[in-house]
Amino acid sequence: MGGGLPNIQSRNAIAHSNKIIKKGNIMKKTTSHNGFTLIELIIVMVILGIMAAVAVPRYLDSITNAEESAENAVISSIRAGLKAAANDSLYTNGRASWPTNPFDALAEKPAGYSLISAMASEDGQWTFDSTTSTITHQRADNSRHTWDYNKGTQTGDNADIGSLGTRVQVAP
């Protein structure tokens, strides 16, 4: 059985395993049973629904955290601006004092700052109400947050710098 020719049975096996496609057979109607069953599609939809149910609350939490961080950045810059204003006032007038409007202590107002003297009423809006001495910010989810501002005593022997309160969510 050394290097001879293959026997007839093995030649027939080779001929049956190699299918010859003629040009005329290519355009014939073929049916395919490949595809997804209804059960498989339903299972995929259920899995996607579960993934969405987990992802959406996390996405909303990330938006809330981002807006809170942005508010913290604005309030931190206001606090720093108020300290700088008090130092400038001390140098100029011999007395540390804060401005009537805390946003006046900033070199650049935050995005969404409005001159209206009322509570913020638009998404992303920052306002200062001089009658209530309240800083207000409205978030994209229409929740409002306020900070109480007290410019302090500006005249007399008991002059004192003011205070800036903590964030308080306003009931809708």
Protein backbone atom coordinates (compact mmCIF):
# COMPACT_ATOMS: atom_id res chain seq x y z
CA MET A 1 0.00 0.00 0.00
CA GLY A 2 2.92 2.28 -0.47
CA GLY A 3 2.54 5.28 -2.76
CA GLY A 4 -0.01 3.77 -5.15
CA LEU A 5 -3.17 5.23 -6.57
CA PRO A 6 -6.21 5.44 -4.30
CA ASN A 7 -8.67 2.61 -4.68
CA ILE A 8 -12.12 3.06 -6.24
CA GLN A 9 -14.01 3.39 -2.94
CA SER A 10 -11.86 6.26 -1.75
CA ARG A 11 -12.24 8.02 -5.15
CA ASN A 12 -16.04 7.74 -4.85
CA ALA A 13 -15.88 9.16 -1.32
CA ILE A 14 -13.86 12.12 -2.57
CA ALA A 15 -16.30 12.72 -5.42
CA HIS A 16 -19.29 12.68 -3.03
CA SER A 17 -17.66 15.05 -0.54
CA ASN A 18 -16.85 17.66 -3.19
CA LYS A 19 -20.06 19.10 -4.61
CA ILE A 20 -19.72 20.66 -7.99
CA ILE A 21 -21.89 23.74 -8.52
CA LYS A 22 -22.80 24.38 -12.10
CA LYS A 23 -23.54 27.90 -13.31
CA GLY A 24 -27.11 26.99 -14.02
CA ASN A 25 -27.75 25.93 -10.40
CA ILE A 26 -26.68 29.24 -8.83
CA MET A 27 -29.90 31.15 -9.60
CA LYS A 28 -32.25 28.40 -8.50
CA LYS A 29 -34.66 28.96 -5.64
CA THR A 30 -33.08 28.09 -2.32
CA THR A 31 -34.78 27.93 1.03
CA SER A 32 -32.98 28.74 4.24
CA HIS A 33 -34.07 27.69 7.66
CA ASN A 34 -31.58 30.01 9.36
CA GLY A 35 -33.05 32.76 11.52
CA PHE A 36 -34.34 33.53 14.99
CA THR A 37 -37.39 31.99 16.53
CA LEU A 38 -40.00 34.09 18.28
CA ILE A 39 -38.88 32.73 21.66
CA GLU A 40 -35.28 33.77 21.01
CA LEU A 41 -36.39 37.29 20.05
CA ILE A 42 -38.56 37.56 23.17
CA ILE A 43 -35.67 36.46 25.38
CA VAL A 44 -33.40 39.08 23.81
CA MET A 45 -36.06 41.77 24.38
CA VAL A 46 -36.42 40.72 28.04
CA ILE A 47 -32.65 40.91 28.53
CA LEU A 48 -32.55 44.38 26.92
CA GLY A 49 -35.42 45.49 29.15
CA ILE A 50 -33.60 44.34 32.27
CA MET A 51 -30.43 46.13 31.16
CA ALA A 52 -32.41 49.33 30.52
CA ALA A 53 -34.11 49.07 33.92
CA VAL A 54 -30.69 48.98 35.57
CA ALA A 55 -29.01 51.61 33.36
CA VAL A 56 -31.65 54.37 33.39
CA PRO A 57 -31.63 55.02 37.18
CA ARG A 58 -27.84 55.07 37.17
CA TYR A 59 -27.89 57.56 34.30
CA LEU A 60 -30.35 59.79 36.15
CA ASP A 61 -28.21 59.59 39.29
CA SER A 62 -25.17 60.65 37.30
CA ILE A 63 -27.06 63.69 35.97
CA THR A 64 -28.10 64.64 39.51
CA ASN A 65 -24.52 64.22 40.76
CA ALA A 66 -23.19 66.33 37.87
CA GLU A 67 -25.64 69.15 38.57
CA GLU A 68 -24.83 69.04 42.29
CA SER A 69 -21.10 69.22 41.48
CA ALA A 70 -21.69 72.18 39.17
CA GLU A 71 -23.66 73.94 41.92
CA ASN A 72 -20.85 73.23 44.38
CA ALA A 73 -18.36 74.76 41.95
CA VAL A 74 -20.42 77.95 41.56
CA ILE A 75 -20.98 78.29 45.32
CA SER A 76 -17.26 77.67 45.97
CA SER A 77 -16.35 80.41 43.51
CA ILE A 78 -18.87 82.75 45.17
CA ARG A 79 -17.34 81.99 48.59
CA ALA A 80 -13.84 82.66 47.22
CA GLY A 81 -15.06 85.84 45.54
CA LEU A 82 -16.66 87.04 48.77
CA LYS A 83 -13.40 86.48 50.65
CA ALA A 84 -11.52 88.42 47.99
CA ALA A 85 -14.14 91.22 48.10
CA ALA A 86 -13.83 91.38 51.90
CA ASN A 87 -10.03 91.64 51.63
CA ASP A 88 -10.31 94.36 48.97
CA SER A 89 -12.80 96.25 51.12
CA LEU A 90 -10.54 95.91 54.15
CA TYR A 91 -7.61 97.29 52.17
CA THR A 92 -9.65 100.12 50.62
CA ASN A 93 -12.00 101.13 53.45
CA GLY A 94 -10.31 99.70 56.53
CA ARG A 95 -13.32 97.41 57.03
CA ALA A 96 -14.07 93.98 55.56
CA SER A 97 -17.50 93.90 53.93
CA TRP A 98 -19.39 91.83 51.39
CA PRO A 99 -21.37 93.17 48.43
CA THR A 100 -25.16 93.33 48.50
CA ASN A 101 -25.39 90.86 45.61
CA PRO A 102 -23.00 87.89 46.07
CA PHE A 103 -22.66 87.49 42.29
CA ASP A 104 -21.02 90.94 42.20
CA ALA A 105 -18.00 89.35 43.92
CA LEU A 106 -17.36 87.21 40.85
CA ALA A 107 -15.19 88.31 37.96
CA GLU A 108 -17.35 86.19 35.64
CA LYS A 109 -20.97 85.28 36.33
CA PRO A 110 -21.98 81.61 36.02
CA ALA A 111 -23.80 80.36 32.94
CA GLY A 112 -27.51 80.92 33.41
CA TYR A 113 -27.14 83.92 35.71
CA SER A 114 -30.15 86.20 35.49
CA LEU A 115 -30.68 89.70 36.84
CA ILE A 116 -34.31 89.03 37.80
CA SER A 117 -34.86 89.40 41.51
CA ALA A 118 -36.99 86.33 42.03
CA MET A 119 -36.68 82.59 42.40
CA ALA A 120 -35.11 80.81 39.40
CA SER A 121 -37.79 79.60 37.00
CA GLU A 122 -35.84 78.10 34.07
CA ASP A 123 -33.51 75.13 33.79
CA GLY A 124 -29.94 76.07 34.68
CA GLN A 125 -30.91 79.57 35.86
CA TRP A 126 -29.11 81.29 38.76
CA THR A 127 -30.77 84.24 40.50
CA PHE A 128 -30.36 86.39 43.58
CA ASP A 129 -33.48 87.71 45.25
CA SER A 130 -32.46 90.88 47.11
CA THR A 131 -35.70 91.05 49.13
CA THR A 132 -35.24 87.58 50.64
CA SER A 133 -31.42 87.54 50.30
CA THR A 134 -31.57 84.13 48.65
CA ILE A 135 -29.47 82.61 45.87
CA THR A 136 -31.54 80.23 43.76
CA HIS A 137 -30.63 77.66 41.13
CA GLN A 138 -33.03 75.53 39.10
CA ARG A 139 -31.81 72.16 37.86
CA ALA A 140 -32.80 70.38 34.66
CA ASP A 141 -35.26 68.18 36.60
CA ASN A 142 -37.06 71.41 37.67
CA SER A 143 -35.95 71.10 41.29
CA ARG A 144 -34.88 74.37 42.91
CA HIS A 145 -32.13 74.81 45.45
CA THR A 146 -31.47 77.88 47.56
CA TRP A 147 -28.71 79.32 49.70
CA ASP A 148 -29.36 82.04 52.28
CA TYR A 149 -27.03 85.00 51.93
CA ASN A 150 -26.34 87.61 54.58
CA LYS A 151 -24.05 90.44 53.51
CA GLY A 152 -23.34 91.29 57.14
CA THR A 153 -23.27 94.63 58.89
CA GLN A 154 -21.71 97.19 56.57
CA THR A 155 -21.55 100.27 58.80
CA GLY A 156 -20.95 101.30 62.36
CA ASP A 157 -18.58 100.06 65.02
CA ASN A 158 -19.94 96.51 64.90
CA ALA A 159 -19.34 95.96 61.17
CA ASP A 160 -19.05 92.29 60.28
CA ILE A 161 -18.82 90.21 57.14
CA GLY A 162 -21.79 88.11 56.26
CA SER A 163 -22.52 84.45 55.78
CA LEU A 164 -23.54 82.10 53.00
CA GLY A 165 -25.78 79.25 54.05
CA THR A 166 -25.93 75.66 52.90
CA ARG A 167 -27.97 74.21 50.04
CA VAL A 168 -31.67 73.73 50.74
CA GLN A 169 -34.03 72.08 48.27
CA VAL A 170 -37.24 74.05 47.78
CA ALA A 171 -40.44 72.03 47.76
CA PRO A 172 -42.02 72.07 44.29
